[in-house]
């Protein structure tokens, strides 16, 4: 998966390092400036996981098992994040 390959290949670390330079993209929120590298990596992983769920809902009709599974796993994911991360 894209998330696993980014973890293995250091894609998230590159993203975190990019925001430590003066070459930041102006669209990046100022809040990123105060985050540690690990927080930026975690935010990148969370963003990509949320994108997977979003894509399941957008690209599958409500009558499919993929859509229903996404709904279930979104609730589980949000509960996990609220309990352990946020």
C-alpha atoms as a PDB file:
ATOM      1  CA  UNK A   1       0.000   0.000   0.000  1.00  0.00           C
ATOM      2  CA  UNK A   2       1.031   3.608  -0.385  1.00  0.00           C
ATOM      3  CA  UNK A   3       1.043   4.171   3.367  1.00  0.00           C
ATOM      4  CA  UNK A   4       3.255   1.133   4.004  1.00  0.00           C
ATOM      5  CA  UNK A   5       5.665   2.089   1.228  1.00  0.00           C
ATOM      6  CA  UNK A   6       5.928   5.657   2.570  1.00  0.00           C
ATOM      7  CA  UNK A   7       6.700   4.258   6.025  1.00  0.00           C
ATOM      8  CA  UNK A   8       9.303   1.833   4.672  1.00  0.00           C
ATOM      9  CA  UNK A   9      10.891   4.234   2.190  1.00  0.00           C
ATOM     10  CA  UNK A  10      10.969   7.274   4.462  1.00  0.00           C
ATOM     11  CA  UNK A  11       8.385   9.276   2.545  1.00  0.00           C
ATOM     12  CA  UNK A  12       6.835  10.643   5.713  1.00  0.00           C
ATOM     13  CA  UNK A  13      10.248  11.535   7.129  1.00  0.00           C
ATOM     14  CA  UNK A  14      11.009  13.465   3.939  1.00  0.00           C
ATOM     15  CA  UNK A  15       7.703  15.323   4.378  1.00  0.00           C
ATOM     16  CA  UNK A  16       8.626  16.164   7.977  1.00  0.00           C
ATOM     17  CA  UNK A  17      12.122  17.300   6.981  1.00  0.00           C
ATOM     18  CA  UNK A  18      10.743  19.465   4.179  1.00  0.00           C
ATOM     19  CA  UNK A  19       8.837  21.521   6.724  1.00  0.00           C
ATOM     20  CA  UNK A  20      12.004  22.168   8.716  1.00  0.00           C
ATOM     21  CA  UNK A  21      13.528  24.154   5.854  1.00  0.00           C
ATOM     22  CA  UNK A  22      12.890  27.679   4.676  1.00  0.00           C
ATOM     23  CA  UNK A  23      11.506  26.226   1.432  1.00  0.00           C
ATOM     24  CA  UNK A  24       8.110  25.579   3.005  1.00  0.00           C
ATOM     25  CA  UNK A  25       5.035  25.742   0.859  1.00  0.00           C
ATOM     26  CA  UNK A  26       3.071  28.879   1.806  1.00  0.00           C
ATOM     27  CA  UNK A  27      -0.158  26.862   1.926  1.00  0.00           C
ATOM     28  CA  UNK A  28       1.101  24.903   4.944  1.00  0.00           C
ATOM     29  CA  UNK A  29      -0.551  26.093   8.122  1.00  0.00           C
ATOM     30  CA  UNK A  30       1.571  28.005  10.665  1.00  0.00           C
ATOM     31  CA  UNK A  31       0.655  25.321  13.183  1.00  0.00           C
ATOM     32  CA  UNK A  32       3.081  22.993  11.386  1.00  0.00           C
ATOM     33  CA  UNK A  33       5.971  25.215  12.513  1.00  0.00           C
ATOM     34  CA  UNK A  34       5.475  24.236  16.151  1.00  0.00           C
ATOM     35  CA  UNK A  35       5.179  20.490  15.513  1.00  0.00           C
ATOM     36  CA  UNK A  36       8.000  18.032  16.094  1.00  0.00           C
ATOM     37  CA  UNK A  37       9.154  15.827  13.234  1.00  0.00           C
ATOM     38  CA  UNK A  38       7.347  12.838  14.789  1.00  0.00           C
ATOM     39  CA  UNK A  39       4.116  14.838  15.036  1.00  0.00           C
ATOM     40  CA  UNK A  40       4.419  15.795  11.360  1.00  0.00           C
ATOM     41  CA  UNK A  41       5.017  12.156  10.415  1.00  0.00           C
ATOM     42  CA  UNK A  42       1.991  11.071  12.465  1.00  0.00           C
ATOM     43  CA  UNK A  43      -0.156  13.776  10.845  1.00  0.00           C
ATOM     44  CA  UNK A  44       0.923  12.563   7.406  1.00  0.00           C
ATOM     45  CA  UNK A  45       0.005   8.966   8.228  1.00  0.00           C
ATOM     46  CA  UNK A  46      -3.354  10.006   9.678  1.00  0.00           C
ATOM     47  CA  UNK A  47      -4.066  12.187   6.637  1.00  0.00           C
ATOM     48  CA  UNK A  48      -3.364   9.287   4.265  1.00  0.00           C
ATOM     49  CA  UNK A  49      -5.470   6.824   6.282  1.00  0.00           C
ATOM     50  CA  UNK A  50      -8.368   9.274   6.252  1.00  0.00           C
ATOM     51  CA  UNK A  51      -7.914   9.622   2.474  1.00  0.00           C
ATOM     52  CA  UNK A  52      -8.282   5.851   2.060  1.00  0.00           C
ATOM     53  CA  UNK A  53     -11.609   5.939   3.900  1.00  0.00           C
ATOM     54  CA  UNK A  54     -12.728   8.980   1.916  1.00  0.00           C
ATOM     55  CA  UNK A  55     -11.898   7.219  -1.348  1.00  0.00           C
ATOM     56  CA  UNK A  56     -13.874   4.123  -0.302  1.00  0.00           C
ATOM     57  CA  UNK A  57     -16.941   6.279   0.247  1.00  0.00           C
ATOM     58  CA  UNK A  58     -16.508   8.373  -2.896  1.00  0.00           C
ATOM     59  CA  UNK A  59     -15.682   5.614  -5.368  1.00  0.00           C
ATOM     60  CA  UNK A  60     -18.125   2.935  -4.175  1.00  0.00           C
ATOM     61  CA  UNK A  61     -21.895   3.093  -4.117  1.00  0.00           C
ATOM     62  CA  UNK A  62     -23.717   2.913  -0.798  1.00  0.00           C
ATOM     63  CA  UNK A  63     -25.042  -0.560  -1.620  1.00  0.00           C
ATOM     64  CA  UNK A  64     -21.583  -2.165  -1.810  1.00  0.00           C
ATOM     65  CA  UNK A  65     -19.769  -4.022   0.920  1.00  0.00           C
ATOM     66  CA  UNK A  66     -16.763  -1.709   0.405  1.00  0.00           C
ATOM     67  CA  UNK A  67     -18.834   1.331   1.298  1.00  0.00           C
ATOM     68  CA  UNK A  68     -20.396  -0.331   4.347  1.00  0.00           C
ATOM     69  CA  UNK A  69     -16.994  -1.613   5.504  1.00  0.00           C
ATOM     70  CA  UNK A  70     -15.576   1.894   5.176  1.00  0.00           C
ATOM     71  CA  UNK A  71     -18.378   3.268   7.352  1.00  0.00           C
ATOM     72  CA  UNK A  72     -17.660   0.685  10.049  1.00  0.00           C
ATOM     73  CA  UNK A  73     -13.903   1.170   9.935  1.00  0.00           C
ATOM     74  CA  UNK A  74     -14.183   4.956   9.965  1.00  0.00           C
ATOM     75  CA  UNK A  75     -16.042   4.720  13.282  1.00  0.00           C
ATOM     76  CA  UNK A  76     -13.431   2.307  14.658  1.00  0.00           C
ATOM     77  CA  UNK A  77     -10.566   4.493  13.416  1.00  0.00           C
ATOM     78  CA  UNK A  78     -12.058   7.648  14.933  1.00  0.00           C
ATOM     79  CA  UNK A  79     -12.611   5.866  18.258  1.00  0.00           C
ATOM     80  CA  UNK A  80      -8.996   4.655  18.215  1.00  0.00           C
ATOM     81  CA  UNK A  81      -7.664   8.123  17.414  1.00  0.00           C
ATOM     82  CA  UNK A  82      -9.771   9.756  20.108  1.00  0.00           C
ATOM     83  CA  UNK A  83      -8.720   7.195  22.706  1.00  0.00           C
ATOM     84  CA  UNK A  84      -5.022   6.780  21.944  1.00  0.00           C
ATOM     85  CA  UNK A  85      -3.805   9.700  19.825  1.00  0.00           C
ATOM     86  CA  UNK A  86      -5.810  12.853  20.333  1.00  0.00           C
END
